[in-house]
PDB file of N, CA and C in Angstrom:
ATOM      1  N   UNK A   1      40.730  93.113  62.380  1.00  0.00           N
ATOM      2  CA  UNK A   1      41.450  94.391  61.318  1.00  0.00           C
ATOM      3  C   UNK A   1      42.650  93.210  59.593  1.00  0.00           C
ATOM      4  N   UNK A   2      42.887  94.433  58.914  1.00  0.00           N
ATOM      5  CA  UNK A   2      42.610  93.610  57.581  1.00  0.00           C
ATOM      6  C   UNK A   2      44.299  94.581  56.537  1.00  0.00           C
ATOM      7  N   UNK A   3      45.410  94.482  56.675  1.00  0.00           N
ATOM      8  CA  UNK A   3      46.382  94.800  56.198  1.00  0.00           C
ATOM      9  C   UNK A   3      46.469  93.484  54.892  1.00  0.00           C
ATOM     10  N   UNK A   4      48.096  94.292  53.822  1.00  0.00           N
ATOM     11  CA  UNK A   4      48.582  93.944  52.848  1.00  0.00           C
ATOM     12  C   UNK A   4      49.061  92.361  53.240  1.00  0.00           C
ATOM     13  N   UNK A   5      48.621  92.596  54.897  1.00  0.00           N
ATOM     14  CA  UNK A   5      49.525  90.871  54.538  1.00  0.00           C
ATOM     15  C   UNK A   5      48.348  89.352  54.856  1.00  0.00           C
ATOM     16  N   UNK A   6      47.345  89.601  55.309  1.00  0.00           N
ATOM     17  CA  UNK A   6      46.762  89.799  56.153  1.00  0.00           C
ATOM     18  C   UNK A   6      45.068  90.645  57.133  1.00  0.00           C
ATOM     19  N   UNK A   7      44.104  89.515  57.298  1.00  0.00           N
ATOM     20  CA  UNK A   7      43.506  89.503  58.435  1.00  0.00           C
ATOM     21  C   UNK A   7      44.401  88.907  59.625  1.00  0.00           C
ATOM     22  N   UNK A   8      44.450  90.140  60.902  1.00  0.00           N
ATOM     23  CA  UNK A   8      44.965  90.061  62.266  1.00  0.00           C
ATOM     24  C   UNK A   8      44.510  90.480  63.387  1.00  0.00           C
ATOM     25  N   UNK A   9      45.417  90.277  64.045  1.00  0.00           N
ATOM     26  CA  UNK A   9      44.603  90.717  65.713  1.00  0.00           C
ATOM     27  C   UNK A   9      46.380  91.286  66.483  1.00  0.00           C
ATOM     28  N   UNK A  10      45.459  92.540  67.254  1.00  0.00           N
ATOM     29  CA  UNK A  10      46.622  92.456  68.835  1.00  0.00           C
ATOM     30  C   UNK A  10      46.894  92.079  69.814  1.00  0.00           C
ATOM     31  N   UNK A  11      47.547  90.041  69.910  1.00  0.00           N
ATOM     32  CA  UNK A  11      47.376  90.316  71.517  1.00  0.00           C
ATOM     33  C   UNK A  11      47.391  90.479  72.526  1.00  0.00           C
ATOM     34  N   UNK A  12      48.071  91.715  72.199  1.00  0.00           N
ATOM     35  CA  UNK A  12      48.050  92.057  73.224  1.00  0.00           C
ATOM     36  C   UNK A  12      48.400  93.765  72.875  1.00  0.00           C
ATOM     37  N   UNK A  13      47.355  94.241  73.223  1.00  0.00           N
ATOM     38  CA  UNK A  13      46.683  96.025  72.917  1.00  0.00           C
ATOM     39  C   UNK A  13      47.879  97.210  73.446  1.00  0.00           C
ATOM     40  N   UNK A  14      48.156  96.865  73.981  1.00  0.00           N
ATOM     41  CA  UNK A  14      49.275  97.540  74.315  1.00  0.00           C
ATOM     42  C   UNK A  14      50.679  97.967  73.708  1.00  0.00           C
ATOM     43  N   UNK A  15      51.103  96.871  72.960  1.00  0.00           N
ATOM     44  CA  UNK A  15      51.939  96.101  71.899  1.00  0.00           C
ATOM     45  C   UNK A  15      51.955  96.297  70.993  1.00  0.00           C
ATOM     46  N   UNK A  16      51.099  98.011  69.398  1.00  0.00           N
ATOM     47  CA  UNK A  16      50.769  97.177  68.695  1.00  0.00           C
ATOM     48  C   UNK A  16      51.630  96.571  67.618  1.00  0.00           C
ATOM     49  N   UNK A  17      53.145  96.635  67.361  1.00  0.00           N
ATOM     50  CA  UNK A  17      54.143  96.694  66.595  1.00  0.00           C
ATOM     51  C   UNK A  17      53.992  94.418  66.792  1.00  0.00           C
ATOM     52  N   UNK A  18      53.186  93.559  67.472  1.00  0.00           N
ATOM     53  CA  UNK A  18      53.107  92.501  67.389  1.00  0.00           C
ATOM     54  C   UNK A  18      51.619  92.306  66.759  1.00  0.00           C
ATOM     55  N   UNK A  19      51.364  91.685  65.180  1.00  0.00           N
ATOM     56  CA  UNK A  19      50.220  91.384  64.900  1.00  0.00           C
ATOM     57  C   UNK A  19      50.273  89.566  65.328  1.00  0.00           C
ATOM     58  N   UNK A  20      49.341  89.388  65.639  1.00  0.00           N
ATOM     59  CA  UNK A  20      48.574  87.938  64.684  1.00  0.00           C
ATOM     60  C   UNK A  20      47.416  87.715  63.362  1.00  0.00           C
ATOM     61  N   UNK A  21      48.525  87.056  62.803  1.00  0.00           N
ATOM     62  CA  UNK A  21      47.326  87.196  61.742  1.00  0.00           C
ATOM     63  C   UNK A  21      46.501  85.306  61.170  1.00  0.00           C
ATOM     64  N   UNK A  22      45.379  85.501  60.846  1.00  0.00           N
ATOM     65  CA  UNK A  22      44.602  84.333  61.038  1.00  0.00           C
ATOM     66  C   UNK A  22      44.685  84.060  59.450  1.00  0.00           C
ATOM     67  N   UNK A  23      44.513  83.306  59.287  1.00  0.00           N
ATOM     68  CA  UNK A  23      43.664  82.616  57.380  1.00  0.00           C
ATOM     69  C   UNK A  23      42.911  81.141  58.235  1.00  0.00           C
ATOM     70  N   UNK A  24      41.821  80.490  56.841  1.00  0.00           N
ATOM     71  CA  UNK A  24      42.132  78.760  56.717  1.00  0.00           C
ATOM     72  C   UNK A  24      42.949  78.286  56.111  1.00  0.00           C
ATOM     73  N   UNK A  25      43.321  77.109  56.102  1.00  0.00           N
ATOM     74  CA  UNK A  25      43.693  76.702  55.463  1.00  0.00           C
ATOM     75  C   UNK A  25      43.137  75.951  53.767  1.00  0.00           C
ATOM     76  N   UNK A  26      43.442  74.854  52.955  1.00  0.00           N
ATOM     77  CA  UNK A  26      42.434  74.206  52.256  1.00  0.00           C
ATOM     78  C   UNK A  26      41.622  73.418  53.870  1.00  0.00           C
ATOM     79  N   UNK A  27      41.795  73.082  54.466  1.00  0.00           N
ATOM     80  CA  UNK A  27      41.246  71.798  54.697  1.00  0.00           C
ATOM     81  C   UNK A  27      39.955  72.698  56.030  1.00  0.00           C
ATOM     82  N   UNK A  28      39.856  74.169  55.870  1.00  0.00           N
ATOM     83  CA  UNK A  28      39.199  74.527  57.247  1.00  0.00           C
ATOM     84  C   UNK A  28      39.793  75.078  57.867  1.00  0.00           C
ATOM     85  N   UNK A  29      41.199  74.189  58.396  1.00  0.00           N
ATOM     86  CA  UNK A  29      40.875  74.778  60.718  1.00  0.00           C
ATOM     87  C   UNK A  29      41.670  76.296  59.521  1.00  0.00           C
ATOM     88  N   UNK A  30      42.105  76.833  61.283  1.00  0.00           N
ATOM     89  CA  UNK A  30      43.001  78.117  61.389  1.00  0.00           C
ATOM     90  C   UNK A  30      44.415  78.076  61.485  1.00  0.00           C
ATOM     91  N   UNK A  31      44.666  78.509  60.903  1.00  0.00           N
ATOM     92  CA  UNK A  31      45.921  78.606  61.743  1.00  0.00           C
ATOM     93  C   UNK A  31      46.589  80.536  61.900  1.00  0.00           C
ATOM     94  N   UNK A  32      47.412  80.474  61.917  1.00  0.00           N
ATOM     95  CA  UNK A  32      48.153  82.109  62.778  1.00  0.00           C
ATOM     96  C   UNK A  32      49.569  82.298  61.734  1.00  0.00           C
ATOM     97  N   UNK A  33      50.057  82.980  61.514  1.00  0.00           N
ATOM     98  CA  UNK A  33      51.246  83.867  61.356  1.00  0.00           C
ATOM     99  C   UNK A  33      51.597  85.196  62.909  1.00  0.00           C
ATOM    100  N   UNK A  34      53.006  85.096  63.398  1.00  0.00           N
ATOM    101  CA  UNK A  34      52.955  86.225  64.140  1.00  0.00           C
ATOM    102  C   UNK A  34      54.197  87.770  62.834  1.00  0.00           C
ATOM    103  N   UNK A  35      53.972  88.459  62.845  1.00  0.00           N
ATOM    104  CA  UNK A  35      55.008  88.842  63.103  1.00  0.00           C
ATOM    105  C   UNK A  35      54.977  90.869  63.405  1.00  0.00           C
ATOM    106  N   UNK A  36      55.387  90.835  63.890  1.00  0.00           N
ATOM    107  CA  UNK A  36      56.929  91.893  64.834  1.00  0.00           C
ATOM    108  C   UNK A  36      57.700  93.152  64.027  1.00  0.00           C
ATOM    109  N   UNK A  37      57.445  93.942  64.880  1.00  0.00           N
ATOM    110  CA  UNK A  37      57.354  95.634  63.396  1.00  0.00           C
ATOM    111  C   UNK A  37      58.554  95.664  64.415  1.00  0.00           C
ATOM    112  N   UNK A  38      58.931  94.994  65.590  1.00  0.00           N
ATOM    113  CA  UNK A  38      60.815  94.421  65.513  1.00  0.00           C
ATOM    114  C   UNK A  38      61.986  93.385  65.304  1.00  0.00           C
ATOM    115  N   UNK A  39      60.735  92.895  65.441  1.00  0.00           N
ATOM    116  CA  UNK A  39      61.611  91.943  64.154  1.00  0.00           C
ATOM    117  C   UNK A  39      61.121  91.045  63.278  1.00  0.00           C
ATOM    118  N   UNK A  40      61.256  92.464  62.108  1.00  0.00           N
ATOM    119  CA  UNK A  40      60.740  91.152  60.610  1.00  0.00           C
ATOM    120  C   UNK A  40      61.518  89.942  60.192  1.00  0.00           C
ATOM    121  N   UNK A  41      62.483  89.359  61.220  1.00  0.00           N
ATOM    122  CA  UNK A  41      62.656  87.976  60.230  1.00  0.00           C
ATOM    123  C   UNK A  41      61.689  86.633  61.158  1.00  0.00           C
ATOM    124  N   UNK A  42      61.299  86.728  62.384  1.00  0.00           N
ATOM    125  CA  UNK A  42      59.764  86.745  62.742  1.00  0.00           C
ATOM    126  C   UNK A  42      59.429  86.111  61.303  1.00  0.00           C
ATOM    127  N   UNK A  43      58.426  86.829  60.699  1.00  0.00           N
ATOM    128  CA  UNK A  43      57.897  86.577  59.725  1.00  0.00           C
ATOM    129  C   UNK A  43      58.574  85.304  58.967  1.00  0.00           C
ATOM    130  N   UNK A  44      59.408  85.977  58.772  1.00  0.00           N
ATOM    131  CA  UNK A  44      60.206  84.700  57.505  1.00  0.00           C
ATOM    132  C   UNK A  44      60.323  83.803  58.137  1.00  0.00           C
ATOM    133  N   UNK A  45      60.893  83.418  59.458  1.00  0.00           N
ATOM    134  CA  UNK A  45      61.659  82.212  60.051  1.00  0.00           C
ATOM    135  C   UNK A  45      60.292  81.098  60.732  1.00  0.00           C
ATOM    136  N   UNK A  46      59.460  81.676  60.556  1.00  0.00           N
ATOM    137  CA  UNK A  46      57.697  80.930  61.524  1.00  0.00           C
ATOM    138  C   UNK A  46      57.139  81.077  60.507  1.00  0.00           C
ATOM    139  N   UNK A  47      56.480  80.350  60.131  1.00  0.00           N
ATOM    140  CA  UNK A  47      55.154  79.899  59.287  1.00  0.00           C
ATOM    141  C   UNK A  47      54.473  79.928  59.025  1.00  0.00           C
ATOM    142  N   UNK A  48      53.183  79.109  58.653  1.00  0.00           N
ATOM    143  CA  UNK A  48      51.652  79.201  59.715  1.00  0.00           C
ATOM    144  C   UNK A  48      51.977  78.399  60.265  1.00  0.00           C
ATOM    145  N   UNK A  49      51.007  78.572  61.702  1.00  0.00           N
ATOM    146  CA  UNK A  49      50.829  77.375  62.688  1.00  0.00           C
ATOM    147  C   UNK A  49      49.608  76.901  62.565  1.00  0.00           C
ATOM    148  N   UNK A  50      49.264  75.912  62.852  1.00  0.00           N
ATOM    149  CA  UNK A  50      47.991  75.398  64.015  1.00  0.00           C
ATOM    150  C   UNK A  50      47.649  75.761  64.541  1.00  0.00           C
ATOM    151  N   UNK A  51      46.499  75.409  65.319  1.00  0.00           N
ATOM    152  CA  UNK A  51      45.889  75.944  66.539  1.00  0.00           C
ATOM    153  C   UNK A  51      46.694  74.145  67.603  1.00  0.00           C
ATOM    154  N   UNK A  52      46.476  73.308  66.600  1.00  0.00           N
ATOM    155  CA  UNK A  52      47.644  71.725  67.151  1.00  0.00           C
ATOM    156  C   UNK A  52      48.757  72.149  67.347  1.00  0.00           C
ATOM    157  N   UNK A  53      49.450  72.275  66.363  1.00  0.00           N
ATOM    158  CA  UNK A  53      50.580  72.888  66.840  1.00  0.00           C
ATOM    159  C   UNK A  53      51.303  73.911  67.547  1.00  0.00           C
ATOM    160  N   UNK A  54      50.251  75.276  67.882  1.00  0.00           N
ATOM    161  CA  UNK A  54      50.178  75.795  69.357  1.00  0.00           C
ATOM    162  C   UNK A  54      50.331  75.255  70.013  1.00  0.00           C
ATOM    163  N   UNK A  55      49.485  74.534  70.320  1.00  0.00           N
ATOM    164  CA  UNK A  55      49.691  73.091  71.149  1.00  0.00           C
ATOM    165  C   UNK A  55      50.462  72.496  71.924  1.00  0.00           C
ATOM    166  N   UNK A  56      50.404  72.198  70.534  1.00  0.00           N
ATOM    167  CA  UNK A  56      52.183  71.037  71.115  1.00  0.00           C
ATOM    168  C   UNK A  56      53.593  72.161  72.042  1.00  0.00           C
ATOM    169  N   UNK A  57      53.653  73.168  71.172  1.00  0.00           N
ATOM    170  CA  UNK A  57      54.129  73.764  71.622  1.00  0.00           C
ATOM    171  C   UNK A  57      54.173  74.729  72.975  1.00  0.00           C
ATOM    172  N   UNK A  58      53.085  75.127  73.465  1.00  0.00           N
ATOM    173  CA  UNK A  58      52.587  75.939  74.660  1.00  0.00           C
ATOM    174  C   UNK A  58      53.185  74.499  75.914  1.00  0.00           C
ATOM    175  N   UNK A  59      52.564  72.733  75.243  1.00  0.00           N
ATOM    176  CA  UNK A  59      53.288  72.345  76.745  1.00  0.00           C
ATOM    177  C   UNK A  59      54.431  71.800  76.196  1.00  0.00           C
ATOM    178  N   UNK A  60      55.501  71.944  75.741  1.00  0.00           N
ATOM    179  CA  UNK A  60      57.289  72.219  75.961  1.00  0.00           C
ATOM    180  C   UNK A  60      57.583  73.509  76.277  1.00  0.00           C
ATOM    181  N   UNK A  61      56.674  74.110  76.220  1.00  0.00           N
ATOM    182  CA  UNK A  61      56.975  76.164  76.392  1.00  0.00           C
ATOM    183  C   UNK A  61      56.866  75.406  78.424  1.00  0.00           C
ATOM    184  N   UNK A  62      55.430  75.359  78.545  1.00  0.00           N
ATOM    185  CA  UNK A  62      55.761  75.075  79.322  1.00  0.00           C
ATOM    186  C   UNK A  62      56.607  73.700  80.332  1.00  0.00           C
ATOM    187  N   UNK A  63      57.421  73.070  80.047  1.00  0.00           N
ATOM    188  CA  UNK A  63      57.232  72.170  80.915  1.00  0.00           C
ATOM    189  C   UNK A  63      59.298  72.314  80.774  1.00  0.00           C
ATOM    190  N   UNK A  64      60.208  74.211  79.728  1.00  0.00           N
ATOM    191  CA  UNK A  64      60.539  74.288  79.846  1.00  0.00           C
ATOM    192  C   UNK A  64      60.873  75.574  80.507  1.00  0.00           C
ATOM    193  N   UNK A  65      60.239  76.096  80.899  1.00  0.00           N
ATOM    194  CA  UNK A  65      59.600  77.797  81.776  1.00  0.00           C
ATOM    195  C   UNK A  65      58.622  77.165  82.764  1.00  0.00           C
ATOM    196  N   UNK A  66      58.672  77.614  84.055  1.00  0.00           N
ATOM    197  CA  UNK A  66      58.107  78.133  85.229  1.00  0.00           C
ATOM    198  C   UNK A  66      56.906  79.219  85.487  1.00  0.00           C
ATOM    199  N   UNK A  67      57.452  80.529  84.295  1.00  0.00           N
ATOM    200  CA  UNK A  67      56.882  81.480  83.845  1.00  0.00           C
ATOM    201  C   UNK A  67      55.938  81.883  84.216  1.00  0.00           C
ATOM    202  N   UNK A  68      54.470  80.910  84.011  1.00  0.00           N
ATOM    203  CA  UNK A  68      53.462  81.207  83.436  1.00  0.00           C
ATOM    204  C   UNK A  68      52.610  81.963  82.706  1.00  0.00           C
ATOM    205  N   UNK A  69      53.982  82.044  82.075  1.00  0.00           N
ATOM    206  CA  UNK A  69      53.815  82.546  80.069  1.00  0.00           C
ATOM    207  C   UNK A  69      53.457  80.691  79.339  1.00  0.00           C
ATOM    208  N   UNK A  70      52.407  81.486  77.979  1.00  0.00           N
ATOM    209  CA  UNK A  70      52.329  80.829  77.247  1.00  0.00           C
ATOM    210  C   UNK A  70      52.048  81.092  76.147  1.00  0.00           C
ATOM    211  N   UNK A  71      52.616  80.390  74.424  1.00  0.00           N
ATOM    212  CA  UNK A  71      52.329  80.285  73.986  1.00  0.00           C
ATOM    213  C   UNK A  71      50.513  81.257  72.956  1.00  0.00           C
ATOM    214  N   UNK A  72      49.998  80.200  74.376  1.00  0.00           N
ATOM    215  CA  UNK A  72      48.943  79.815  73.875  1.00  0.00           C
ATOM    216  C   UNK A  72      47.898  81.115  74.109  1.00  0.00           C
ATOM    217  N   UNK A  73      48.795  82.690  74.574  1.00  0.00           N
ATOM    218  CA  UNK A  73      48.114  84.061  75.139  1.00  0.00           C
ATOM    219  C   UNK A  73      48.189  84.511  74.440  1.00  0.00           C
ATOM    220  N   UNK A  74      48.942  84.206  73.196  1.00  0.00           N
ATOM    221  CA  UNK A  74      49.014  85.092  71.541  1.00  0.00           C
ATOM    222  C   UNK A  74      48.051  84.703  70.990  1.00  0.00           C
ATOM    223  N   UNK A  75      48.592  83.258  70.665  1.00  0.00           N
ATOM    224  CA  UNK A  75      47.586  82.869  69.664  1.00  0.00           C
ATOM    225  C   UNK A  75      46.120  82.391  70.409  1.00  0.00           C
ATOM    226  N   UNK A  76      45.266  83.356  70.087  1.00  0.00           N
ATOM    227  CA  UNK A  76      42.939  82.848  70.322  1.00  0.00           C
ATOM    228  C   UNK A  76      42.534  82.062  69.143  1.00  0.00           C
ATOM    229  N   UNK A  77      41.940  81.086  69.579  1.00  0.00           N
ATOM    230  CA  UNK A  77      41.348  80.956  68.685  1.00  0.00           C
ATOM    231  C   UNK A  77      40.266  81.370  68.461  1.00  0.00           C
ATOM    232  N   UNK A  78      39.579  81.636  69.972  1.00  0.00           N
ATOM    233  CA  UNK A  78      38.199  82.144  70.276  1.00  0.00           C
ATOM    234  C   UNK A  78      38.400  83.466  69.029  1.00  0.00           C
ATOM    235  N   UNK A  79      39.490  84.561  68.935  1.00  0.00           N
ATOM    236  CA  UNK A  79      39.570  86.049  68.592  1.00  0.00           C
ATOM    237  C   UNK A  79      40.021  85.045  67.054  1.00  0.00           C
ATOM    238  N   UNK A  80      40.146  84.620  66.149  1.00  0.00           N
ATOM    239  CA  UNK A  80      40.434  84.363  66.171  1.00  0.00           C
ATOM    240  C   UNK A  80      39.689  83.392  64.695  1.00  0.00           C
ATOM    241  N   UNK A  81      38.573  82.968  64.960  1.00  0.00           N
ATOM    242  CA  UNK A  81      37.652  82.147  64.956  1.00  0.00           C
ATOM    243  C   UNK A  81      35.933  83.459  63.971  1.00  0.00           C
ATOM    244  N   UNK A  82      36.177  84.869  65.336  1.00  0.00           N
ATOM    245  CA  UNK A  82      35.490  85.233  65.065  1.00  0.00           C
ATOM    246  C   UNK A  82      35.381  86.196  64.158  1.00  0.00           C
ATOM    247  N   UNK A  83      36.762  86.639  64.398  1.00  0.00           N
ATOM    248  CA  UNK A  83      37.477  87.108  63.347  1.00  0.00           C
ATOM    249  C   UNK A  83      37.152  86.728  61.146  1.00  0.00           C
ATOM    250  N   UNK A  84      37.291  85.916  61.738  1.00  0.00           N
ATOM    251  CA  UNK A  84      37.112  84.528  59.886  1.00  0.00           C
ATOM    252  C   UNK A  84      35.484  84.667  60.091  1.00  0.00           C
ATOM    253  N   UNK A  85      35.011  84.798  60.573  1.00  0.00           N
ATOM    254  CA  UNK A  85      33.964  84.428  60.442  1.00  0.00           C
ATOM    255  C   UNK A  85      32.981  86.177  60.671  1.00  0.00           C
ATOM    256  N   UNK A  86      33.777  86.924  61.096  1.00  0.00           N
ATOM    257  CA  UNK A  86      32.603  87.846  60.803  1.00  0.00           C
ATOM    258  C   UNK A  86      33.895  88.350  58.891  1.00  0.00           C
ATOM    259  N   UNK A  87      34.391  87.907  58.130  1.00  0.00           N
ATOM    260  CA  UNK A  87      34.681  88.169  57.170  1.00  0.00           C
ATOM    261  C   UNK A  87      34.207  87.601  56.388  1.00  0.00           C
ATOM    262  N   UNK A  88      34.534  85.909  56.819  1.00  0.00           N
ATOM    263  CA  UNK A  88      33.869  85.613  55.444  1.00  0.00           C
ATOM    264  C   UNK A  88      32.181  85.768  55.010  1.00  0.00           C
ATOM    265  N   UNK A  89      31.673  86.292  56.279  1.00  0.00           N
ATOM    266  CA  UNK A  89      30.015  86.705  56.810  1.00  0.00           C
ATOM    267  C   UNK A  89      30.366  88.358  55.798  1.00  0.00           C
ATOM    268  N   UNK A  90      30.885  89.140  55.846  1.00  0.00           N
ATOM    269  CA  UNK A  90      31.201  90.114  54.600  1.00  0.00           C
ATOM    270  C   UNK A  90      31.090  89.382  53.244  1.00  0.00           C
ATOM    271  N   UNK A  91      32.203  88.924  52.958  1.00  0.00           N
ATOM    272  CA  UNK A  91      31.745  88.047  51.311  1.00  0.00           C
ATOM    273  C   UNK A  91      30.957  87.704  51.195  1.00  0.00           C
ATOM    274  N   UNK A  92      30.289  87.048  52.169  1.00  0.00           N
ATOM    275  CA  UNK A  92      29.143  86.265  51.929  1.00  0.00           C
ATOM    276  C   UNK A  92      28.327  87.063  51.300  1.00  0.00           C
ATOM    277  N   UNK A  93      28.080  88.377  52.599  1.00  0.00           N
ATOM    278  CA  UNK A  93      27.422  89.067  51.916  1.00  0.00           C
ATOM    279  C   UNK A  93      27.500  90.739  50.443  1.00  0.00           C
ATOM    280  N   UNK A  94      28.854  90.678  49.995  1.00  0.00           N
ATOM    281  CA  UNK A  94      29.249  91.123  49.223  1.00  0.00           C
ATOM    282  C   UNK A  94      29.247  90.052  48.067  1.00  0.00           C
ATOM    283  N   UNK A  95      29.210  89.195  47.832  1.00  0.00           N
ATOM    284  CA  UNK A  95      28.498  88.225  46.878  1.00  0.00           C
ATOM    285  C   UNK A  95      27.492  88.471  46.820  1.00  0.00           C
ATOM    286  N   UNK A  96      26.366  88.626  46.957  1.00  0.00           N
ATOM    287  CA  UNK A  96      25.107  88.859  47.212  1.00  0.00           C
ATOM    288  C   UNK A  96      24.724  89.670  46.469  1.00  0.00           C
ATOM    289  N   UNK A  97      24.766  90.582  46.925  1.00  0.00           N
ATOM    290  CA  UNK A  97      25.202  91.759  46.223  1.00  0.00           C
ATOM    291  C   UNK A  97      24.633  91.842  45.196  1.00  0.00           C
ATOM    292  N   UNK A  98      26.092  91.193  44.116  1.00  0.00           N
ATOM    293  CA  UNK A  98      26.571  91.303  43.408  1.00  0.00           C
ATOM    294  C   UNK A  98      26.771  90.272  43.117  1.00  0.00           C
ATOM    295  N   UNK A  99      25.792  89.362  42.752  1.00  0.00           N
ATOM    296  CA  UNK A  99      24.995  88.482  42.136  1.00  0.00           C
ATOM    297  C   UNK A  99      23.832  89.453  41.844  1.00  0.00           C
ATOM    298  N   UNK A 100      22.577  90.129  43.126  1.00  0.00           N
ATOM    299  CA  UNK A 100      22.505  90.575  42.314  1.00  0.00           C
ATOM    300  C   UNK A 100      21.964  91.603  41.647  1.00  0.00           C
ATOM    301  N   UNK A 101      22.961  92.833  41.538  1.00  0.00           N
ATOM    302  CA  UNK A 101      23.226  93.568  40.277  1.00  0.00           C
ATOM    303  C   UNK A 101      23.397  93.695  39.509  1.00  0.00           C
ATOM    304  N   UNK A 102      23.725  92.132  39.073  1.00  0.00           N
ATOM    305  CA  UNK A 102      24.033  90.950  37.620  1.00  0.00           C
ATOM    306  C   UNK A 102      22.601  90.970  37.244  1.00  0.00           C
ATOM    307  N   UNK A 103      21.875  90.239  38.073  1.00  0.00           N
ATOM    308  CA  UNK A 103      20.626  89.727  37.586  1.00  0.00           C
ATOM    309  C   UNK A 103      20.077  91.240  37.561  1.00  0.00           C
ATOM    310  N   UNK A 104      19.952  92.190  38.416  1.00  0.00           N
ATOM    311  CA  UNK A 104      19.219  92.785  38.021  1.00  0.00           C
ATOM    312  C   UNK A 104      19.808  93.729  36.119  1.00  0.00           C
ATOM    313  N   UNK A 105      20.759  93.703  36.484  1.00  0.00           N
ATOM    314  CA  UNK A 105      21.774  94.036  34.440  1.00  0.00           C
ATOM    315  C   UNK A 105      20.783  93.459  33.599  1.00  0.00           C
ATOM    316  N   UNK A 106      20.661  91.839  34.052  1.00  0.00           N
ATOM    317  CA  UNK A 106      20.280  91.258  32.315  1.00  0.00           C
ATOM    318  C   UNK A 106      19.597  90.976  32.283  1.00  0.00           C
ATOM    319  N   UNK A 107      18.330  91.538  33.062  1.00  0.00           N
ATOM    320  CA  UNK A 107      17.102  91.834  33.789  1.00  0.00           C
ATOM    321  C   UNK A 107      16.566  93.201  32.395  1.00  0.00           C
ATOM    322  N   UNK A 108      17.973  93.972  32.699  1.00  0.00           N
ATOM    323  CA  UNK A 108      17.319  94.758  32.096  1.00  0.00           C
ATOM    324  C   UNK A 108      16.987  95.571  31.283  1.00  0.00           C
ATOM    325  N   UNK A 109      18.486  94.011  30.061  1.00  0.00           N
ATOM    326  CA  UNK A 109      19.270  94.287  28.634  1.00  0.00           C
ATOM    327  C   UNK A 109      18.045  93.204  28.346  1.00  0.00           C
ATOM    328  N   UNK A 110      16.829  92.851  28.481  1.00  0.00           N
ATOM    329  CA  UNK A 110      16.678  91.976  27.479  1.00  0.00           C
ATOM    330  C   UNK A 110      14.889  92.518  28.253  1.00  0.00           C
TER     331      UNK A 110
END
């Protein structure tokens, strides 16, 4: 799904107020950022996070909490990769279509 903030998925579909946004940084790595309708300060306080940072946070969380929960359950690299791949394919297809249209228009003028 996508909105004005970017491409996102629902980590817990039963809680649509929480979204995880995904993007690729300049190096090509996937980054995540949480948005929570009930806690808008989360978006402002927490910047884009790489999967390495999330893995480190998960290790710290596990050492402090013994309840089986983990930040990794919200930040799903496989889901993010699939969403970004789908978006990149759609963008490439749209670009190719626009280029083909421009070529046809250029050929029609000659």
